[in-house]
Protein backbone atom coordinates (compact mmCIF):
# COMPACT_ATOMS: atom_id res chain seq x y z
CA MET A 1 -93.58 59.35 -109.76
CA THR A 2 -96.84 59.88 -109.14
CA ALA A 3 -97.61 62.74 -106.85
CA LEU A 4 -99.11 61.87 -103.16
CA PRO A 5 -102.74 62.94 -102.55
CA ASN A 6 -103.53 65.86 -100.44
CA ILE A 7 -105.04 64.19 -97.24
CA LYS A 8 -107.38 67.22 -97.07
CA SER A 9 -109.38 65.79 -99.96
CA LEU A 10 -110.27 62.61 -98.30
CA SER A 11 -113.68 62.39 -96.25
CA LYS A 12 -113.67 61.00 -93.00
CA GLU A 13 -115.03 57.70 -94.39
CA GLU A 14 -112.26 57.31 -96.79
CA LEU A 15 -109.48 58.20 -94.12
CA ARG A 16 -111.24 55.32 -91.90
CA ASN A 17 -111.00 52.80 -94.72
CA PHE A 18 -107.36 53.82 -94.94
CA PHE A 19 -106.68 53.09 -91.54
CA VAL A 20 -108.33 49.68 -91.45
CA GLU A 21 -106.37 48.64 -94.76
CA TYR A 22 -103.34 49.45 -93.19
CA ASN A 23 -104.03 47.38 -89.72
CA GLU A 24 -104.62 50.62 -87.62
CA LYS A 25 -107.58 51.45 -85.49
CA PRO A 26 -110.43 53.00 -87.09
CA PHE A 27 -110.86 55.80 -84.38
CA ARG A 28 -107.32 57.23 -85.76
CA ALA A 29 -109.56 58.86 -88.70
CA ASN A 30 -111.32 61.11 -85.76
CA GLN A 31 -108.14 62.00 -84.56
CA VAL A 32 -106.74 63.03 -87.85
CA TYR A 33 -109.77 64.56 -88.87
CA GLU A 34 -109.90 66.65 -86.10
CA TRP A 35 -106.44 67.95 -86.17
CA LEU A 36 -107.19 69.20 -90.03
CA TRP A 37 -110.24 70.69 -90.08
CA LYS A 38 -111.13 71.54 -86.32
CA LYS A 39 -107.32 72.65 -85.26
CA GLN A 40 -106.26 73.46 -88.77
CA VAL A 41 -102.63 72.09 -88.49
CA SER A 42 -100.41 72.65 -91.32
CA SER A 43 -98.07 69.34 -91.12
CA PHE A 44 -98.37 66.03 -89.56
CA ASP A 45 -95.48 66.75 -87.12
CA GLU A 46 -98.16 68.94 -85.30
CA MET A 47 -100.53 65.98 -84.62
CA ASN A 48 -99.38 65.60 -80.97
CA ASN A 49 -101.65 63.05 -80.01
CA ILE A 50 -100.70 60.83 -83.14
CA SER A 51 -97.77 58.36 -82.85
CA THR A 52 -94.70 58.57 -84.67
CA SER A 53 -95.33 55.63 -86.68
CA ILE A 54 -98.86 56.55 -87.63
CA LYS A 55 -97.23 60.20 -88.69
CA ASP A 56 -94.58 58.01 -90.90
CA LEU A 57 -97.77 55.96 -92.54
CA LEU A 58 -99.78 59.23 -93.21
CA LYS A 59 -96.34 60.93 -94.71
CA LYS A 60 -95.73 57.83 -96.76
CA HIS A 61 -99.37 58.17 -98.49
CA PHE A 62 -100.33 61.89 -98.09
CA VAL A 63 -99.17 65.27 -98.05
CA LEU A 64 -100.83 68.34 -96.13
CA ILE A 65 -101.09 71.28 -98.22
CA THR A 66 -102.40 74.47 -96.83
CA VAL A 67 -103.34 77.91 -98.31
CA THR A 68 -100.71 80.77 -97.05
CA ILE A 69 -100.92 84.23 -97.02
CA ALA A 70 -98.57 85.82 -99.66
CA GLU A 71 -99.28 89.35 -98.94
CA GLN A 72 -101.64 91.31 -96.65
CA GLN A 73 -102.83 95.01 -96.82
CA ILE A 74 -104.76 96.88 -94.15
CA SER A 75 -107.15 99.82 -95.49
CA SER A 76 -107.50 103.11 -93.43
CA ASP A 77 -110.80 101.65 -92.68
CA LYS A 78 -109.64 98.31 -91.01
CA THR A 79 -110.33 96.44 -94.03
CA ILE A 80 -107.85 93.42 -94.88
CA LYS A 81 -107.23 92.40 -98.08
CA ASN A 82 -105.18 89.06 -98.73
CA ALA A 83 -103.31 87.67 -101.33
CA PHE A 84 -103.79 83.76 -100.93
CA ARG A 85 -101.12 81.32 -102.33
CA LEU A 86 -102.83 78.08 -103.17
CA HIS A 87 -100.80 74.74 -103.47
CA ASP A 88 -99.90 75.38 -107.08
CA GLY A 89 -98.65 78.89 -106.27
CA LYS A 90 -101.64 80.34 -108.13
CA ILE A 91 -102.96 83.20 -106.04
CA THR A 92 -106.33 84.51 -105.24
CA GLU A 93 -107.93 87.08 -102.89
CA GLY A 94 -109.82 87.45 -99.81
CA VAL A 95 -110.96 90.31 -97.50
CA LEU A 96 -111.60 90.88 -93.68
CA ILE A 97 -114.55 93.40 -93.30
CA PRO A 98 -114.74 94.68 -90.03
CA SER A 99 -118.05 96.62 -88.87
CA LYS A 100 -119.85 97.82 -85.77
CA THR A 101 -122.08 94.81 -85.98
CA ARG A 102 -119.99 92.19 -88.17
CA MET A 103 -117.07 90.84 -88.71
CA THR A 104 -117.22 89.32 -92.12
CA ALA A 105 -115.10 87.48 -94.37
CA CYS A 106 -115.10 87.67 -98.23
CA ILE A 107 -113.90 84.58 -99.98
CA SER A 108 -113.13 83.51 -103.52
CA SER A 109 -114.12 80.25 -105.41
CA GLN A 110 -112.23 80.66 -108.36
CA VAL A 111 -108.83 81.83 -109.78
CA GLY A 112 -109.92 84.48 -111.96
CA CYS A 113 -113.38 84.33 -113.51
CA SER A 114 -115.26 83.60 -116.81
CA LEU A 115 -118.16 86.17 -117.01
CA THR A 116 -116.60 89.06 -118.04
CA CYS A 117 -118.94 91.52 -116.26
CA ALA A 118 -117.88 94.83 -117.41
CA PHE A 119 -117.85 96.60 -114.08
CA CYS A 120 -115.45 94.06 -112.34
CA ALA A 121 -111.89 93.85 -112.33
CA THR A 122 -111.98 89.96 -111.54
CA GLY A 123 -113.92 89.88 -114.63
CA LYS A 124 -111.23 91.18 -116.86
CA LEU A 125 -108.98 88.29 -115.91
CA GLU A 126 -108.52 84.79 -117.17
CA ARG A 127 -110.08 82.10 -115.47
CA LEU A 128 -107.20 79.68 -114.70
CA ARG A 129 -109.20 77.10 -112.21
CA ASN A 130 -111.91 76.48 -109.74
CA ILE A 131 -110.68 76.45 -105.79
CA ASP A 132 -110.86 73.50 -104.12
CA ALA A 133 -113.09 72.93 -101.06
CA ASP A 134 -110.38 72.55 -98.72
CA GLU A 135 -108.49 75.78 -100.07
CA ILE A 136 -111.96 77.56 -99.56
CA PHE A 137 -112.00 76.65 -96.09
CA ASP A 138 -108.46 77.78 -95.33
CA GLN A 139 -109.37 80.93 -96.69
CA VAL A 140 -111.94 81.20 -94.04
CA ALA A 141 -109.70 79.90 -91.44
CA LEU A 142 -107.24 82.40 -92.02
CA ILE A 143 -109.51 85.41 -92.43
CA LYS A 144 -111.31 83.82 -89.03
CA LYS A 145 -107.62 83.79 -87.41
CA GLN A 146 -106.98 87.63 -88.49
CA ALA A 147 -110.30 88.78 -86.91
CA GLU A 148 -109.26 87.31 -83.42
CA GLU A 149 -105.70 88.67 -83.92
CA HIS A 150 -106.23 92.17 -85.21
CA TYR A 151 -109.74 93.08 -83.54
CA LYS A 152 -110.14 90.48 -80.82
CA THR A 153 -113.51 89.66 -82.31
CA PRO A 154 -114.63 86.36 -83.70
CA LEU A 155 -115.85 86.00 -87.37
CA THR A 156 -119.47 86.45 -87.67
CA ASN A 157 -120.20 86.21 -91.50
CA ILE A 158 -118.94 84.79 -94.54
CA VAL A 159 -119.80 85.58 -98.21
CA TYR A 160 -118.97 83.95 -101.26
CA MET A 161 -118.33 87.13 -103.05
CA GLY A 162 -114.42 87.03 -104.05
CA MET A 163 -112.92 85.97 -107.34
CA GLY A 164 -115.03 83.80 -109.26
CA GLU A 165 -118.64 82.44 -109.93
CA PRO A 166 -119.49 80.18 -107.15
CA LEU A 167 -121.83 78.24 -108.96
CA LEU A 168 -119.64 77.50 -111.65
CA ASN A 169 -117.76 75.46 -108.72
CA TYR A 170 -120.59 74.11 -107.35
CA SER A 171 -119.56 71.07 -105.74
CA ASN A 172 -116.09 72.46 -104.30
CA VAL A 173 -118.69 75.31 -103.13
CA LEU A 174 -121.22 73.06 -101.53
CA LYS A 175 -118.54 70.75 -99.72
CA SER A 176 -116.47 73.99 -98.33
CA VAL A 177 -119.67 74.97 -96.75
CA GLU A 178 -120.49 71.88 -95.18
CA LEU A 179 -116.78 71.93 -93.80
CA ILE A 180 -117.14 75.43 -92.46
CA SER A 181 -120.11 74.84 -90.80
CA SER A 182 -119.53 71.46 -89.37
CA GLU A 183 -119.07 71.00 -85.78
CA GLU A 184 -115.88 69.11 -86.82
CA GLY A 185 -114.81 72.16 -88.83
CA LEU A 186 -115.36 76.02 -87.94
CA GLY A 187 -118.86 75.46 -86.74
CA MET A 188 -120.30 78.36 -88.45
CA SER A 189 -123.88 78.37 -88.68
CA PRO A 190 -125.09 77.94 -92.54
CA LYS A 191 -127.47 81.10 -91.77
CA ARG A 192 -124.30 83.30 -91.53
CA ILE A 193 -123.00 82.28 -94.97
CA THR A 194 -124.10 83.68 -98.14
CA VAL A 195 -123.28 82.64 -101.59
CA SER A 196 -123.47 85.25 -104.16
CA THR A 197 -124.10 84.39 -108.17
CA ALA A 198 -124.03 86.38 -111.27
CA GLY A 199 -127.30 84.40 -112.02
CA ILE A 200 -127.20 81.00 -113.38
CA ALA A 201 -130.58 79.68 -113.77
CA LYS A 202 -130.40 75.76 -113.88
CA MET A 203 -127.78 76.00 -110.63
CA ILE A 204 -130.07 78.07 -108.65
CA MET A 205 -132.87 75.48 -109.25
CA LYS A 206 -130.33 73.13 -108.32
CA LEU A 207 -129.64 74.82 -104.89
CA GLY A 208 -133.18 74.10 -104.47
CA ASP A 209 -133.41 70.63 -105.07
CA ASP A 210 -130.28 70.40 -102.61
CA GLN A 211 -132.33 72.18 -100.21
CA VAL A 212 -129.47 74.18 -98.89
CA LYS A 213 -129.33 76.28 -95.53
CA PHE A 214 -126.99 79.04 -96.56
CA ASN A 215 -128.23 82.11 -98.21
CA LEU A 216 -128.34 83.13 -101.75
CA ALA A 217 -127.79 86.56 -103.25
CA LEU A 218 -128.15 87.30 -106.98
CA SER A 219 -125.98 90.06 -108.51
CA LEU A 220 -128.65 91.53 -110.44
CA HIS A 221 -127.36 95.27 -110.95
CA ALA A 222 -129.94 96.02 -114.11
CA ALA A 223 -133.68 95.18 -114.30
CA THR A 224 -134.36 94.85 -117.95
CA ASP A 225 -132.65 92.45 -120.10
CA GLU A 226 -131.46 95.40 -122.51
CA GLN A 227 -129.44 97.03 -119.66
CA ARG A 228 -128.36 93.60 -117.68
CA SER A 229 -126.82 92.30 -121.09
CA LYS A 230 -124.76 95.34 -121.65
CA ILE A 231 -123.12 94.98 -118.41
CA MET A 232 -123.30 90.86 -117.73
CA PRO A 233 -122.80 88.97 -120.81
CA ILE A 234 -124.20 85.96 -118.77
CA ASN A 235 -127.69 87.61 -118.98
CA GLU A 236 -127.61 86.70 -122.95
CA THR A 237 -128.10 82.80 -121.91
CA ASN A 238 -129.71 83.40 -118.56
CA SER A 239 -132.59 86.17 -119.17
CA LEU A 240 -134.20 87.63 -116.35
CA GLU A 241 -137.49 85.82 -116.93
CA ALA A 242 -135.38 82.32 -116.40
CA LEU A 243 -133.65 83.92 -113.41
CA GLY A 244 -137.05 84.92 -112.00
CA GLU A 245 -138.79 81.17 -112.73
CA ALA A 246 -135.42 79.90 -111.03
CA LEU A 247 -135.67 81.76 -108.04
CA GLN A 248 -139.36 80.97 -107.56
CA TYR A 249 -138.53 77.33 -107.68
CA TYR A 250 -135.62 77.93 -105.18
CA HIS A 251 -138.12 79.80 -102.80
CA GLU A 252 -140.50 77.16 -103.04
CA LYS A 253 -137.95 74.66 -102.25
CA THR A 254 -136.10 75.82 -99.35
CA GLY A 255 -138.67 78.72 -98.09
CA ALA A 256 -135.68 81.14 -97.83
CA ARG A 257 -135.70 84.98 -99.08
CA VAL A 258 -133.17 85.88 -101.62
CA THR A 259 -130.57 88.88 -101.49
CA PHE A 260 -130.79 90.96 -104.75
CA GLU A 261 -127.34 93.12 -105.29
CA TYR A 262 -127.52 96.09 -107.10
CA ILE A 263 -124.87 98.21 -108.03
CA ILE A 264 -125.90 101.68 -108.72
CA PHE A 265 -123.97 103.25 -111.76
CA LYS A 266 -124.33 107.02 -112.83
CA ASP A 267 -126.79 107.57 -115.48
CA PHE A 268 -127.11 103.84 -116.37
CA ASN A 269 -129.41 102.35 -113.68
CA ASP A 270 -130.45 105.09 -111.06
CA SER A 271 -133.37 106.74 -112.36
CA LEU A 272 -136.79 106.19 -110.60
CA GLN A 273 -137.49 104.12 -113.78
CA ASP A 274 -135.13 101.80 -112.85
CA ALA A 275 -136.34 101.53 -109.43
CA ARG A 276 -139.82 100.47 -110.63
CA ASN A 277 -138.07 98.06 -113.11
CA LEU A 278 -136.41 96.72 -110.04
CA ALA A 279 -139.18 96.61 -107.77
CA LYS A 280 -141.37 95.00 -110.19
CA PHE A 281 -138.67 92.14 -110.66
CA CYS A 282 -137.58 91.75 -106.69
CA LYS A 283 -141.51 90.96 -105.89
CA LYS A 284 -141.00 87.77 -107.40
CA VAL A 285 -139.80 86.38 -104.39
CA PRO A 286 -139.60 87.41 -100.56
CA CYS A 287 -136.23 89.20 -100.78
CA LYS A 288 -134.20 92.18 -99.42
CA ILE A 289 -132.27 94.50 -101.97
CA ASN A 290 -128.32 95.68 -101.10
CA ILE A 291 -127.81 98.93 -103.26
CA ILE A 292 -124.21 98.96 -103.66
CA GLU A 293 -121.70 101.86 -104.39
CA TYR A 294 -119.85 101.62 -107.57
CA ASN A 295 -116.17 100.89 -106.96
CA PRO A 296 -114.11 102.51 -109.76
CA ILE A 297 -111.83 100.01 -111.65
CA ASP A 298 -109.11 100.59 -114.52
CA ASN A 299 -110.03 100.67 -117.67
CA ALA A 300 -114.18 100.93 -117.27
CA GLN A 301 -116.68 103.44 -118.65
CA PHE A 302 -118.80 103.89 -115.25
CA GLU A 303 -118.83 106.31 -112.78
CA LYS A 304 -120.28 106.17 -108.96
CA ALA A 305 -124.13 107.42 -108.89
CA ASP A 306 -124.55 110.49 -106.95
CA SER A 307 -125.04 109.95 -103.16
CA LYS A 308 -128.17 111.97 -103.17
CA LYS A 309 -129.41 110.39 -106.37
CA THR A 310 -128.70 106.83 -104.41
CA ASP A 311 -130.27 107.59 -101.43
CA GLU A 312 -133.46 108.68 -103.14
CA PHE A 313 -133.44 105.49 -105.40
CA ALA A 314 -133.44 103.42 -101.90
CA GLN A 315 -136.12 105.65 -100.47
CA PHE A 316 -138.33 104.93 -103.62
CA LEU A 317 -138.21 101.21 -102.98
CA GLU A 318 -138.62 101.59 -99.37
CA GLU A 319 -141.56 103.80 -99.00
CA LYS A 320 -143.20 103.52 -102.69
CA CYS A 321 -142.71 99.81 -103.06
CA ASN A 322 -142.63 98.71 -99.62
CA LEU A 323 -139.21 96.52 -100.07
CA VAL A 324 -136.39 95.94 -97.61
CA VAL A 325 -133.49 97.92 -98.65
CA ASN A 326 -129.81 98.41 -97.75
CA VAL A 327 -127.46 101.10 -98.92
CA ARG A 328 -123.76 99.69 -98.88
CA ARG A 329 -121.04 102.20 -98.39
CA SER A 330 -117.61 100.97 -99.95
CA ARG A 331 -114.92 99.53 -97.72
CA GLY A 332 -111.19 99.01 -98.82
CA LYS A 333 -111.36 101.20 -101.72
CA ASP A 334 -107.78 102.54 -100.91
CA ILE A 335 -106.11 99.04 -101.38
CA ASP A 336 -108.42 98.00 -104.07
CA ALA A 337 -110.51 95.59 -101.82
CA ALA A 338 -113.87 96.87 -102.37
CA CYS A 339 -116.48 95.06 -104.10
CA GLY A 340 -115.53 94.53 -107.59
CA GLN A 341 -111.88 95.43 -107.50
CA LEU A 342 -110.27 92.11 -106.58
CA ALA A 343 -107.65 91.41 -109.46
CA ASN A 344 -104.56 90.23 -107.96
CA LYS A 345 -102.92 93.94 -107.88
CA ASN A 346 -100.68 93.24 -104.84
CA LYS A 347 -97.34 94.31 -105.42
CA ALA A 348 -95.73 91.09 -103.87
CA VAL A 349 -97.35 88.80 -106.16
CA ASN A 350 -97.55 90.26 -109.52
């Protein structure tokens, strides 16, 4: 017996065609679509303006699957880490990061990751599969609800910076952004959504061709090929020269500035010469730079850079190189929820 399809995998047009095929009024598709995406119901029975016969028809042909929270941990700094259970029982993670000016959802695009970055706990996991667009959407919807329930504050920003490489799940990521930003979905502005990549040149160019409206961030972390290849194997097939050309193409197509993420490591990429190298690369396109504190993970050889050295590094980029720089302090370290720490270590889901 063939498993029934998840109704959330259908477009509104496909829903409309389904109802026409079964001699039902096409506007039923609008009603069902609103229940799925605007109201985020978890069962057909919750659709209370739909007749029992229509619900029975839907149950006969589809299932309605939603992501659930398998475990939740709250940090001393109010960061909330979630272990999300997907439709096949696999677990991925997402984080709610509250601050004075923002309420940010950090979400995942893959279960595990294939890129094996040396400083990242997720990179030590096997990539099990891509996360479907509706599962990405559900992560955001659940974190949005958390923000409202725990902190009485609406979600303001979304970053695709959790588990996985978003550009290796390109179609699902773009579809999820469309659902999240649609007025028929969560109605979030694409300008409040940032997709972060470890650097896949041809896919960055595809973002330009598709003229995406969301923000792009590149996880750079080193500004010479020799250094970057030591910590990010993807650099061997996507050199800094190739990335620079792809980013210039992306900017020409979209007019958008790029965010560069730079985790600063003690005695590896924290010197003023490293800052000069970084400035040279970053000036290829209009940009801003986020200097990120390193968060320790198990069995890694890196250490957090000295705070004074980090501030001097950022000051040099700002004052000597005239670049826009933010230093991002770690959040959620005590529950392994900080940047680079997501590795499904939640006790209840091991």
